Amino acid sequence: MAMDRLYLILQRYFGHTAFRPYQQEIIRDLLDGRDVLAVLATGEGKSLCHQIPALMGDGVTIVVSPLIALMKDQVDDLQVRGISAEALNSSCSYTATRRIHSELRENAVQILYVSPEKAVSNDFLTLIAPLTVSLIAVDEAHCISMWGHQFRPEYRTLRILKGQFPQVPMAALTATATPDVRDDIARQLNLNNPEVYIGSFNRENLRYAVIQKEENTYERLRGYLQGRRGEAGIIYAATRDGAETLAVRLRADGISALPYHAGMTAAARARTHDLFMTGRVRVVSATSAFGMGIDKPDVRFVIHHDMPETIETYYQESGRAGRDGGESDCILFYHKDDAKRLRSLIDRDLPSEFRREVARTKLQKMVSYCSATEGCRRQKILEYFGERFEKLPCSGCDICNPSFVP
């Protein structure tokens, strides 16, 4: 009966008739009260792993999420599906906060999204202490690790939730985690003998290429885009000025493009996001601020105009292409000066020698990926995450298949 109900919820609320790999096993473990650490690639349905258990019983599921915009998108989507979901973060008005608190006390909220800062505050811990908490999920769990590429110190204190609710199952979910990061996540969250699920990092529908950055890089980029008219894509630039300049030049050349970066107003960012998601603008020229929550299935290309700092970042950003399973391109323009710029930022901005050394090591692996002329790019990415890949040549990278050089 429980399995029948799982499939009923899957179809009724989410419109699917079958689970993706590992989803059913993760849901089963959580419903049985076991802690879970799951590393599933972008687009493999991590959210369902905590959303479906939330609909299976009484109480509230607490989801720790790092971005306000991502929380809003998820809450809006769940509410449209008829699921009682809310979010508590710094953007909430006093009136909204009072309403959500009241609904929580009345057991009228099934899924509560909360920022990591809010999750460990005394006021929040006091609020949830008398509640029936059925599940705690930590999304983007790689942020907890100092070995990771997006370390956030506030994540380091989330173990307090496990201490307050030791019998409540906890799910740590991420799309990008090396073996060291996975071990650190389990240790820092104090997970109790967790079941560990590691999905494949191989996105077979993605094609990878690295192109040396030269004086004609813009012309080459423009030519590629002109050959992909009608298709949606993202171009990542290292700086706000770079993102703005690219968008202006592309529009001048007749390509529908808008910028997106943290220096824009919230209204301007929201406009770019909406126009891209609805297909009225086909190219977004962005910094890394255009990130988590960009769930557009038909992105046909992701281009990095500048080299990112880590393979994790590159995998996560390039992974926004081809979520519908269609063949898509991941192109990276590389120049050795990119590495010099990033090393200077590491030395300037990171607060400890340990963090700087971790970042330098990750940067060197990214440089090695970009400068490789032998082997297989897909294999290099997968081996970085601890996955063996031996189906060589892969036919989906510019080294294995030289004809794929955009």
Protein backbone atom coordinates (compact mmCIF):
# COMPACT_ATOMS: atom_id res chain seq x y z
CA MET A 1 0.00 0.00 0.00
CA ALA A 2 2.85 2.40 0.81
CA MET A 3 4.42 1.84 -2.62
CA ASP A 4 1.06 2.35 -4.32
CA ARG A 5 0.70 5.63 -2.47
CA LEU A 6 4.18 6.73 -3.54
CA TYR A 7 3.28 6.27 -7.18
CA LEU A 8 -0.08 7.93 -6.67
CA ILE A 9 1.60 11.03 -5.21
CA LEU A 10 4.26 11.00 -7.94
CA GLN A 11 1.61 11.02 -10.66
CA ARG A 12 -1.04 13.19 -9.01
CA TYR A 13 1.17 16.04 -7.82
CA PHE A 14 4.19 15.87 -10.14
CA GLY A 15 2.84 14.31 -13.33
CA HIS A 16 5.37 11.46 -13.54
CA THR A 17 4.66 7.75 -13.88
CA ALA A 18 8.14 6.47 -12.99
CA PHE A 19 10.96 7.42 -10.65
CA ARG A 20 14.41 8.45 -11.80
CA PRO A 21 17.40 6.38 -10.63
CA TYR A 22 17.79 6.29 -6.82
CA GLN A 23 14.74 8.46 -6.10
CA GLN A 24 12.60 5.58 -4.90
CA GLU A 25 15.38 4.10 -2.75
CA ILE A 26 16.13 7.48 -1.14
CA ILE A 27 12.45 8.11 -0.41
CA ARG A 28 12.07 4.63 1.08
CA ASP A 29 15.06 5.12 3.39
CA LEU A 30 13.82 8.49 4.60
CA LEU A 31 10.34 7.11 5.27
CA ASP A 32 12.00 4.31 7.25
CA GLY A 33 13.75 6.91 9.40
CA ARG A 34 17.27 6.59 7.98
CA ASP A 35 19.63 9.46 7.20
CA VAL A 36 20.66 9.84 3.55
CA LEU A 37 23.50 11.49 1.68
CA ALA A 38 22.66 11.76 -2.02
CA VAL A 39 24.78 13.15 -4.85
CA LEU A 40 22.61 13.30 -7.96
CA ALA A 41 23.47 15.18 -11.12
CA THR A 42 21.68 18.35 -12.12
CA GLY A 43 18.28 17.48 -13.53
CA GLU A 44 18.03 14.09 -11.81
CA GLY A 45 15.23 15.15 -9.45
CA LYS A 46 16.78 15.75 -6.03
CA SER A 47 13.83 17.85 -4.89
CA LEU A 48 11.34 14.99 -5.23
CA CYS A 49 13.44 13.01 -2.77
CA HIS A 50 12.24 15.23 0.08
CA GLN A 51 9.01 16.58 -1.41
CA ILE A 52 7.31 13.19 -1.76
CA PRO A 53 8.10 12.03 1.82
CA ALA A 54 6.66 15.35 3.00
CA LEU A 55 3.32 14.33 1.50
CA MET A 56 3.33 10.85 2.99
CA GLY A 57 2.64 11.65 6.63
CA ASP A 58 1.92 14.20 9.32
CA GLY A 59 4.17 17.02 10.39
CA VAL A 60 6.37 19.45 8.53
CA THR A 61 9.42 18.86 6.36
CA ILE A 62 12.10 21.52 6.85
CA VAL A 63 14.27 22.24 3.80
CA VAL A 64 17.41 24.33 4.25
CA SER A 65 18.11 26.18 1.00
CA PRO A 66 20.78 28.80 0.27
CA LEU A 67 19.05 31.17 -2.16
CA ILE A 68 15.92 33.25 -1.61
CA ALA A 69 15.09 33.23 -5.33
CA LEU A 70 15.36 29.44 -5.44
CA MET A 71 13.07 29.10 -2.41
CA LYS A 72 10.48 31.34 -4.05
CA ASP A 73 10.52 29.35 -7.28
CA GLN A 74 10.08 26.07 -5.41
CA VAL A 75 7.36 27.37 -3.10
CA ASP A 76 5.43 28.90 -6.02
CA ASP A 77 5.68 25.64 -7.96
CA LEU A 78 4.50 23.53 -5.01
CA GLN A 79 1.60 25.81 -4.22
CA VAL A 80 0.42 25.63 -7.84
CA ARG A 81 0.45 21.84 -7.44
CA GLY A 82 -1.80 22.10 -4.38
CA ILE A 83 0.93 21.46 -1.80
CA SER A 84 1.11 23.59 1.35
CA ALA A 85 4.60 25.12 1.15
CA GLU A 86 6.07 28.27 2.67
CA ALA A 87 9.46 29.95 3.08
CA LEU A 88 11.06 31.86 5.94
CA ASN A 89 13.98 34.10 5.10
CA SER A 90 15.14 37.70 5.29
CA SER A 91 12.76 38.80 2.52
CA CYS A 92 9.63 37.93 4.51
CA SER A 93 7.53 40.82 5.80
CA TYR A 94 6.42 40.94 9.42
CA THR A 95 2.87 40.10 8.39
CA ALA A 96 3.94 37.11 6.28
CA THR A 97 6.19 35.82 9.05
CA ARG A 98 3.36 36.00 11.60
CA ARG A 99 1.04 34.17 9.22
CA ILE A 100 3.55 31.38 8.55
CA HIS A 101 4.26 30.98 12.27
CA SER A 102 0.55 30.61 12.92
CA GLU A 103 0.12 28.04 10.15
CA LEU A 104 3.06 26.05 11.47
CA ARG A 105 1.52 25.88 14.94
CA GLU A 106 -1.74 24.72 13.35
CA ASN A 107 0.14 21.95 11.45
CA ALA A 108 -1.01 23.52 8.18
CA VAL A 109 2.39 23.61 6.44
CA GLN A 110 3.73 20.48 4.75
CA ILE A 111 7.07 21.86 3.47
CA LEU A 112 8.92 24.81 5.00
CA TYR A 113 11.92 26.28 3.17
CA VAL A 114 14.34 28.19 5.36
CA SER A 115 17.70 29.88 4.89
CA PRO A 116 20.69 28.40 6.74
CA GLU A 117 21.06 31.57 8.83
CA LYS A 118 17.42 31.38 9.90
CA ALA A 119 17.53 27.61 10.48
CA VAL A 120 20.08 27.87 13.32
CA SER A 121 18.71 31.04 14.95
CA ASN A 122 17.38 30.76 18.50
CA ASP A 123 14.00 32.16 17.47
CA PHE A 124 13.54 29.53 14.77
CA LEU A 125 14.71 26.65 16.96
CA THR A 126 12.24 27.77 19.64
CA LEU A 127 9.47 28.01 17.03
CA ILE A 128 9.93 24.47 15.71
CA ALA A 129 10.71 22.78 19.07
CA PRO A 130 7.06 21.81 19.79
CA LEU A 131 6.25 20.93 16.17
CA THR A 132 6.07 17.50 14.61
CA VAL A 133 9.05 17.58 12.28
CA SER A 134 8.95 14.63 9.89
CA LEU A 135 12.11 15.29 7.84
CA ILE A 136 15.03 17.72 7.59
CA ALA A 137 16.59 18.21 4.16
CA VAL A 138 19.78 20.18 3.49
CA ASP A 139 19.89 21.26 -0.15
CA GLU A 140 23.15 22.24 -1.88
CA ALA A 141 24.87 20.36 0.93
CA HIS A 142 28.33 20.83 -0.61
CA CYS A 143 28.19 24.36 0.85
CA ILE A 144 28.94 22.82 4.24
CA SER A 145 32.42 21.67 3.30
CA MET A 146 35.63 23.68 3.44
CA TRP A 147 36.87 21.24 0.79
CA GLY A 148 34.04 22.31 -1.51
CA HIS A 149 33.85 25.04 -4.13
CA GLN A 150 31.03 27.08 -2.56
CA PHE A 151 31.80 26.92 1.15
CA ARG A 152 29.36 28.92 3.29
CA PRO A 153 30.31 29.20 6.98
CA GLU A 154 26.67 29.32 8.14
CA TYR A 155 26.18 25.79 6.78
CA ARG A 156 28.79 24.58 9.24
CA THR A 157 26.38 25.06 12.17
CA LEU A 158 23.45 23.09 10.71
CA ARG A 159 24.33 20.08 12.85
CA ILE A 160 22.37 21.84 15.61
CA LEU A 161 19.21 20.68 13.83
CA LYS A 162 20.28 17.07 14.13
CA GLY A 163 21.04 17.67 17.79
CA GLN A 164 17.57 19.08 18.45
CA PHE A 165 15.79 16.36 16.45
CA PRO A 166 18.04 13.27 16.73
CA GLN A 167 15.28 10.84 15.73
CA VAL A 168 14.19 12.79 12.65
CA PRO A 169 15.75 11.57 9.39
CA MET A 170 18.02 14.03 7.61
CA ALA A 171 18.73 14.17 3.88
CA ALA A 172 21.85 15.90 2.57
CA LEU A 173 21.46 16.58 -1.15
CA THR A 174 23.85 17.99 -3.74
CA ALA A 175 24.77 17.70 -7.41
CA THR A 176 28.51 18.25 -7.02
CA ALA A 177 30.67 16.61 -4.37
CA THR A 178 34.04 14.91 -4.58
CA PRO A 179 34.72 11.98 -2.20
CA ASP A 180 36.42 14.34 0.31
CA VAL A 181 33.44 16.67 0.27
CA ARG A 182 30.99 13.79 0.72
CA ASP A 183 32.83 12.60 3.82
CA ASP A 184 32.92 16.13 5.21
CA ILE A 185 29.18 16.61 4.66
CA ALA A 186 28.31 13.46 6.61
CA ARG A 187 30.70 14.39 9.42
CA GLN A 188 29.67 18.02 9.75
CA LEU A 189 25.93 17.28 9.75
CA ASN A 190 26.48 14.44 12.22
CA LEU A 191 24.51 12.06 10.02
CA ASN A 192 23.76 8.74 11.68
CA ASN A 193 25.25 5.94 9.57
CA PRO A 194 23.72 7.43 6.42
CA GLU A 195 22.70 5.55 3.33
CA VAL A 196 24.86 7.01 0.54
CA TYR A 197 23.67 7.30 -3.05
CA ILE A 198 26.03 8.48 -5.77
CA GLY A 199 24.43 8.88 -9.16
CA SER A 200 26.38 9.00 -12.38
CA PHE A 201 27.88 12.36 -13.27
CA ASN A 202 27.85 11.44 -16.95
CA ARG A 203 25.46 13.55 -19.00
CA GLU A 204 25.63 11.69 -22.28
CA ASN A 205 23.67 14.33 -24.19
CA LEU A 206 26.24 17.05 -23.46
CA ARG A 207 29.19 17.71 -25.77
CA TYR A 208 32.32 19.37 -24.36
CA ALA A 209 34.84 21.58 -26.12
CA VAL A 210 37.62 23.97 -25.05
CA ILE A 211 38.68 26.69 -27.47
CA GLN A 212 41.79 28.79 -27.02
CA LYS A 213 40.82 32.42 -26.50
CA GLU A 214 42.27 34.64 -29.23
CA GLU A 215 41.67 38.08 -30.73
CA ASN A 216 38.81 36.73 -32.86
CA THR A 217 36.99 35.09 -29.93
CA TYR A 218 33.98 37.39 -30.17
CA GLU A 219 33.61 36.81 -33.90
CA ARG A 220 33.79 33.07 -33.32
CA LEU A 221 31.17 33.31 -30.58
CA ARG A 222 28.92 35.45 -32.73
CA GLY A 223 29.21 33.02 -35.63
CA TYR A 224 28.27 30.12 -33.40
CA LEU A 225 25.21 31.94 -32.07
CA GLN A 226 24.10 32.98 -35.54
CA GLY A 227 24.16 29.33 -36.50
CA ARG A 228 21.90 28.43 -33.55
CA ARG A 229 19.09 30.89 -34.16
CA GLY A 230 15.93 30.11 -32.24
CA GLU A 231 17.80 28.11 -29.59
CA ALA A 232 18.24 29.17 -25.97
CA GLY A 233 21.58 29.41 -24.24
CA ILE A 234 23.64 30.95 -21.45
CA ILE A 235 27.00 32.68 -21.77
CA TYR A 236 28.97 32.97 -18.53
CA ALA A 237 31.43 35.83 -18.09
CA ALA A 238 33.81 36.40 -15.18
CA THR A 239 32.76 39.99 -14.41
CA ARG A 240 29.68 42.19 -14.44
CA ASP A 241 31.24 44.47 -17.05
CA GLY A 242 32.05 41.45 -19.19
CA ALA A 243 28.46 40.22 -19.03
CA GLU A 244 27.08 43.68 -19.87
CA THR A 245 29.50 44.24 -22.75
CA LEU A 246 28.74 40.88 -24.34
CA ALA A 247 24.99 41.48 -24.15
CA VAL A 248 25.33 44.92 -25.76
CA ARG A 249 27.54 43.63 -28.60
CA LEU A 250 25.29 40.66 -29.28
CA ARG A 251 22.17 42.83 -29.45
CA ALA A 252 23.98 45.18 -31.85
CA ASP A 253 24.63 42.15 -34.05
CA GLY A 254 20.97 41.14 -34.07
CA ILE A 255 21.11 38.44 -31.40
CA SER A 256 18.43 38.53 -28.70
CA ALA A 257 20.47 38.85 -25.49
CA LEU A 258 20.21 40.40 -22.03
CA PRO A 259 22.67 40.58 -19.11
CA TYR A 260 22.24 39.16 -15.62
CA HIS A 261 24.50 39.92 -12.64
CA ALA A 262 24.37 40.91 -8.99
CA GLY A 263 24.96 44.59 -9.76
CA MET A 264 21.54 44.90 -11.43
CA THR A 265 18.42 45.80 -9.51
CA ALA A 266 16.21 42.96 -8.34
CA ALA A 267 13.54 44.07 -10.81
CA ALA A 268 16.00 44.05 -13.73
CA ARG A 269 17.27 40.58 -12.81
CA ALA A 270 13.71 39.30 -12.48
CA ARG A 271 12.87 40.72 -15.92
CA THR A 272 15.84 38.99 -17.57
CA HIS A 273 14.99 35.74 -15.80
CA ASP A 274 11.34 35.90 -16.87
CA LEU A 275 12.08 36.80 -20.49
CA PHE A 276 14.59 33.96 -20.77
CA MET A 277 12.40 31.35 -19.10
CA THR A 278 9.44 32.23 -21.34
CA GLY A 279 11.54 32.25 -24.51
CA ARG A 280 11.20 35.96 -25.31
CA VAL A 281 14.98 36.38 -24.94
CA ARG A 282 17.11 33.50 -26.13
CA VAL A 283 20.56 34.32 -24.72
CA VAL A 284 21.52 35.47 -21.24
CA SER A 285 25.01 36.88 -20.76
CA ALA A 286 25.62 36.35 -17.07
CA THR A 287 27.97 36.08 -14.17
CA SER A 288 27.71 33.13 -11.79
CA ALA A 289 24.81 35.01 -10.13
CA PHE A 290 22.61 33.37 -12.80
CA GLY A 291 22.75 30.06 -11.04
CA MET A 292 20.73 27.72 -8.90
CA GLY A 293 17.06 27.60 -9.75
CA ILE A 294 17.52 28.10 -13.51
CA ASP A 295 15.40 25.12 -14.45
CA LYS A 296 14.81 25.74 -18.16
CA PRO A 297 14.79 22.33 -19.87
CA ASP A 298 15.60 23.37 -23.43
CA VAL A 299 18.90 25.22 -22.95
CA ARG A 300 20.85 24.06 -26.00
CA PHE A 301 24.24 25.57 -25.14
CA VAL A 302 26.20 26.90 -22.19
CA ILE A 303 29.28 28.89 -23.14
CA HIS A 304 31.97 30.03 -20.71
CA HIS A 305 33.59 33.15 -22.11
CA ASP A 306 36.08 32.96 -19.21
CA MET A 307 37.42 29.95 -17.35
CA PRO A 308 35.62 29.20 -14.05
CA GLU A 309 37.61 28.60 -10.87
CA THR A 310 36.78 24.93 -10.32
CA ILE A 311 35.59 21.85 -12.15
CA GLU A 312 32.64 21.74 -9.71
CA THR A 313 31.54 25.18 -10.85
CA TYR A 314 32.03 24.28 -14.50
CA TYR A 315 30.08 21.03 -14.13
CA GLN A 316 27.24 22.76 -12.30
CA GLU A 317 26.96 25.67 -14.74
CA SER A 318 27.44 23.65 -17.92
CA GLY A 319 24.91 21.17 -16.53
CA ARG A 320 22.16 23.72 -17.06
CA ALA A 321 22.23 22.67 -20.70
CA GLY A 322 20.12 19.85 -22.03
CA ARG A 323 17.92 19.05 -19.06
CA ASP A 324 15.30 17.78 -21.49
CA GLY A 325 17.75 15.14 -22.72
CA GLY A 326 18.38 16.86 -26.06
CA GLU A 327 21.89 17.14 -27.46
CA SER A 328 23.52 20.33 -26.15
CA ASP A 329 26.91 22.04 -26.29
CA CYS A 330 29.21 23.04 -23.44
CA ILE A 331 31.93 25.32 -24.78
CA LEU A 332 34.71 26.95 -22.80
CA PHE A 333 36.99 29.70 -24.10
CA TYR A 334 40.35 29.49 -22.31
CA HIS A 335 43.42 31.70 -22.00
CA LYS A 336 46.30 31.24 -19.57
CA ASP A 337 45.67 34.76 -18.25
CA ASP A 338 42.38 33.46 -16.80
CA ALA A 339 44.37 31.36 -14.34
CA LYS A 340 46.56 34.32 -13.35
CA ARG A 341 43.48 36.43 -12.65
CA LEU A 342 41.84 33.72 -10.55
CA ARG A 343 45.02 33.04 -8.55
CA SER A 344 45.23 36.71 -7.63
CA LEU A 345 41.60 36.66 -6.47
CA ILE A 346 42.24 33.56 -4.36
CA ASP A 347 45.25 35.17 -2.67
CA ARG A 348 43.36 38.41 -2.11
CA ASP A 349 39.94 37.22 -0.99
CA LEU A 350 40.20 33.94 0.93
CA PRO A 351 40.68 34.35 4.70
CA SER A 352 42.92 31.40 5.58
CA GLU A 353 45.91 29.60 4.11
CA PHE A 354 43.96 26.32 4.24
CA ARG A 355 41.15 27.77 2.10
CA ARG A 356 43.65 29.34 -0.29
CA GLU A 357 45.52 26.06 -0.72
CA VAL A 358 42.30 24.14 -1.40
CA ALA A 359 41.28 26.78 -3.96
CA ARG A 360 44.68 26.75 -5.67
CA THR A 361 44.55 22.96 -6.01
CA LYS A 362 41.08 23.09 -7.53
CA LEU A 363 42.14 25.86 -9.90
CA GLN A 364 45.10 23.81 -11.10
CA LYS A 365 42.80 20.89 -11.92
CA MET A 366 40.61 23.27 -13.90
CA VAL A 367 43.65 24.54 -15.80
CA SER A 368 44.72 20.96 -16.52
CA TYR A 369 41.29 20.23 -17.94
CA CYS A 370 41.39 23.28 -20.20
CA SER A 371 44.94 22.80 -21.44
CA ALA A 372 44.62 19.07 -22.16
CA THR A 373 45.20 17.99 -25.75
CA GLU A 374 45.07 14.23 -25.15
CA GLY A 375 42.70 11.86 -23.38
CA CYS A 376 39.00 12.66 -23.07
CA ARG A 377 37.35 15.71 -21.51
CA ARG A 378 34.32 13.72 -20.36
CA GLN A 379 36.60 11.19 -18.68
CA LYS A 380 38.54 13.97 -16.92
CA ILE A 381 35.35 15.47 -15.48
CA LEU A 382 33.99 12.13 -14.32
CA GLU A 383 37.27 11.01 -12.75
CA TYR A 384 37.42 14.27 -10.81
CA PHE A 385 34.21 13.20 -9.07
CA GLY A 386 35.49 9.66 -8.51
CA GLU A 387 33.61 7.97 -11.36
CA ARG A 388 35.34 5.63 -13.79
CA PHE A 389 34.66 6.12 -17.48
CA GLU A 390 36.13 3.73 -20.03
CA LYS A 391 33.83 4.03 -23.07
CA LEU A 392 36.53 5.68 -25.13
CA PRO A 393 36.48 7.50 -27.41
CA CYS A 394 33.41 9.22 -26.00
CA SER A 395 32.54 10.93 -29.33
CA GLY A 396 31.13 13.80 -27.26
CA CYS A 397 34.18 16.01 -26.76
CA ASP A 398 36.56 17.90 -29.01
CA ILE A 399 39.50 15.61 -28.19
CA CYS A 400 37.70 12.32 -28.92
CA ASN A 401 35.81 13.84 -31.83
CA PRO A 402 37.81 16.67 -33.45
CA SER A 403 34.90 17.41 -35.80
CA PHE A 404 33.14 18.91 -32.79
CA VAL A 405 35.01 22.17 -32.67
CA PRO A 406 32.36 24.90 -32.88
